[in-house]
Every structure is written in structure tokens, then in C-alpha cells.
Amino acid sequence: MTEARNTREIINECYPEFPETILNAELCRAMDRIEGRSIKQALKAFARDRITKVESKPLKGALEQMAVSMFPETEIARIRACVGRMESALVKTFGVKRA
């Protein structure tokens, strides 16, 4: 008997680049705050580097926007919202439980 999985587990397995990107962007922001560097410039550099590593077109689009945005931190929220929509679609379509 297989154990039922929740939305977060499915997203982490099937679309790992989304949660990894959020985590790495948050770590980038936190480290730069601690070290006194420009968070804005660090997130832009992070986005430019991360674009080459992801395959998802929507995620690439968000990262491209982050790389040129005056407010790159808002793109983290945009990516997080995308994951939220993915979770909602799993709940609605397949009846999967939220994490």
C-alpha cells in the first residue's frame, strides 16, 4: 500500500527547481543582509546565474524579470505564488491534500 502524498511532496518531486529557486533566493537575500551587501544587486546576480540552470519557461521568465527589476525581491513572491497555484491545481484536480 502506498502512502498518500501531499501537494508539497509532489511539487518537490516533479518540479524541484521551483522550491529550490525560492530557497536559494531567500538564502542569498539573508546572507547579503548579514554581510551588509546590496540585496538588490545580489538577487539580480543570483537570477542571472540561476536562469542557466532551470528548464521551466515560467520560472525562467520570473528570473529574467528578477535580473532587471528595480525590486527583485518581488519576484520571489511571484515564484512563491506560482507554487501556490500549482498546489491549488493539485488539490482541485486530483484531490491531493495540502502540506
Protein backbone atom coordinates (compact mmCIF):
# COMPACT_ATOMS: atom_id res chain seq x y z
CA MET A 1 0.00 0.00 0.00
CA THR A 2 1.39 3.38 -0.96
CA GLU A 3 1.15 6.30 1.37
CA ALA A 4 -0.80 9.34 0.15
CA ARG A 5 1.42 12.29 -0.68
CA ASN A 6 0.65 15.93 -0.08
CA THR A 7 1.00 18.82 -2.52
CA ARG A 8 4.42 19.90 -1.27
CA GLU A 9 5.87 16.41 -1.71
CA ILE A 10 4.55 16.16 -5.27
CA ILE A 11 5.89 19.60 -6.23
CA ASN A 12 9.26 18.82 -4.66
CA GLU A 13 9.45 15.60 -6.67
CA CYS A 14 8.02 16.72 -10.02
CA TYR A 15 9.05 20.40 -10.12
CA PRO A 16 12.04 20.65 -7.77
CA GLU A 17 13.51 23.72 -9.43
CA PHE A 18 10.69 25.92 -8.08
CA PRO A 19 11.21 25.27 -4.35
CA GLU A 20 14.99 25.15 -4.86
CA THR A 21 14.92 28.56 -6.52
CA ILE A 22 12.84 30.06 -3.72
CA LEU A 23 15.12 28.58 -1.07
CA ASN A 24 18.31 29.73 -2.81
CA ALA A 25 16.94 33.23 -3.39
CA GLU A 26 15.93 33.51 0.27
CA LEU A 27 19.38 32.29 1.36
CA CYS A 28 21.02 34.78 -0.99
CA ARG A 29 18.93 37.59 0.47
CA ALA A 30 19.63 36.56 4.06
CA MET A 31 23.39 36.19 3.59
CA ASP A 32 23.71 39.53 1.84
CA ARG A 33 21.73 41.23 4.60
CA ILE A 34 24.05 39.69 7.22
CA GLU A 35 27.19 40.61 5.28
CA GLY A 36 25.98 44.13 4.52
CA ARG A 37 25.97 43.79 0.74
CA SER A 38 23.33 45.12 -1.62
CA ILE A 39 20.42 42.67 -1.59
CA LYS A 40 19.09 44.12 -4.83
CA GLN A 41 22.35 43.57 -6.72
CA ALA A 42 22.87 40.12 -5.18
CA LEU A 43 19.40 38.93 -6.19
CA LYS A 44 19.90 40.24 -9.71
CA ALA A 45 23.20 38.34 -9.97
CA PHE A 46 21.56 35.24 -8.48
CA ALA A 47 18.77 35.43 -11.07
CA ARG A 48 21.20 35.78 -13.99
CA ASP A 49 23.11 32.73 -12.79
CA ARG A 50 20.02 30.64 -11.98
CA ILE A 51 18.43 31.22 -15.42
CA THR A 52 21.06 28.94 -16.97
CA LYS A 53 20.18 26.12 -14.57
CA VAL A 54 16.38 25.94 -14.83
CA GLU A 55 14.25 24.41 -17.57
CA SER A 56 10.77 25.73 -16.74
CA LYS A 57 9.77 28.61 -19.03
CA PRO A 58 7.60 30.36 -16.40
CA LEU A 59 10.44 30.13 -13.89
CA LYS A 60 12.94 31.43 -16.44
CA GLY A 61 10.59 34.33 -17.11
CA ALA A 62 10.39 35.20 -13.43
CA LEU A 63 14.18 35.01 -13.12
CA GLU A 64 14.66 37.16 -16.23
CA GLN A 65 12.36 39.74 -14.68
CA MET A 66 14.24 39.49 -11.36
CA ALA A 67 17.54 40.11 -13.15
CA VAL A 68 16.37 43.51 -14.47
CA SER A 69 13.76 44.56 -11.90
CA MET A 70 14.10 47.62 -9.67
CA PHE A 71 12.54 45.43 -6.97
CA PRO A 72 13.92 41.90 -7.47
CA GLU A 73 12.54 40.70 -4.13
CA THR A 74 9.02 40.91 -5.53
CA GLU A 75 9.92 38.16 -7.99
CA ILE A 76 10.48 35.78 -5.07
CA ALA A 77 6.86 36.41 -4.13
CA ARG A 78 5.84 35.82 -7.76
CA ILE A 79 7.60 32.43 -7.81
CA ARG A 80 6.09 31.54 -4.44
CA ALA A 81 2.63 32.47 -5.78
CA CYS A 82 3.20 30.20 -8.77
CA VAL A 83 3.92 27.30 -6.41
CA GLY A 84 0.72 28.18 -4.55
CA ARG A 85 -1.25 27.97 -7.79
CA MET A 86 0.36 24.61 -8.53
CA GLU A 87 -0.75 23.38 -5.10
CA SER A 88 -4.29 24.64 -5.67
CA ALA A 89 -4.44 22.88 -9.04
CA LEU A 90 -3.33 19.60 -7.44
CA VAL A 91 -6.00 19.94 -4.75
CA LYS A 92 -8.73 20.85 -7.21
CA THR A 93 -7.84 18.37 -9.96
CA PHE A 94 -6.63 15.36 -8.02
CA GLY A 95 -7.93 15.90 -4.50
CA VAL A 96 -4.42 15.89 -3.05
CA LYS A 97 -4.11 17.22 0.50
CA ARG A 98 -2.19 20.42 1.12
CA ALA A 99 1.05 20.24 3.03
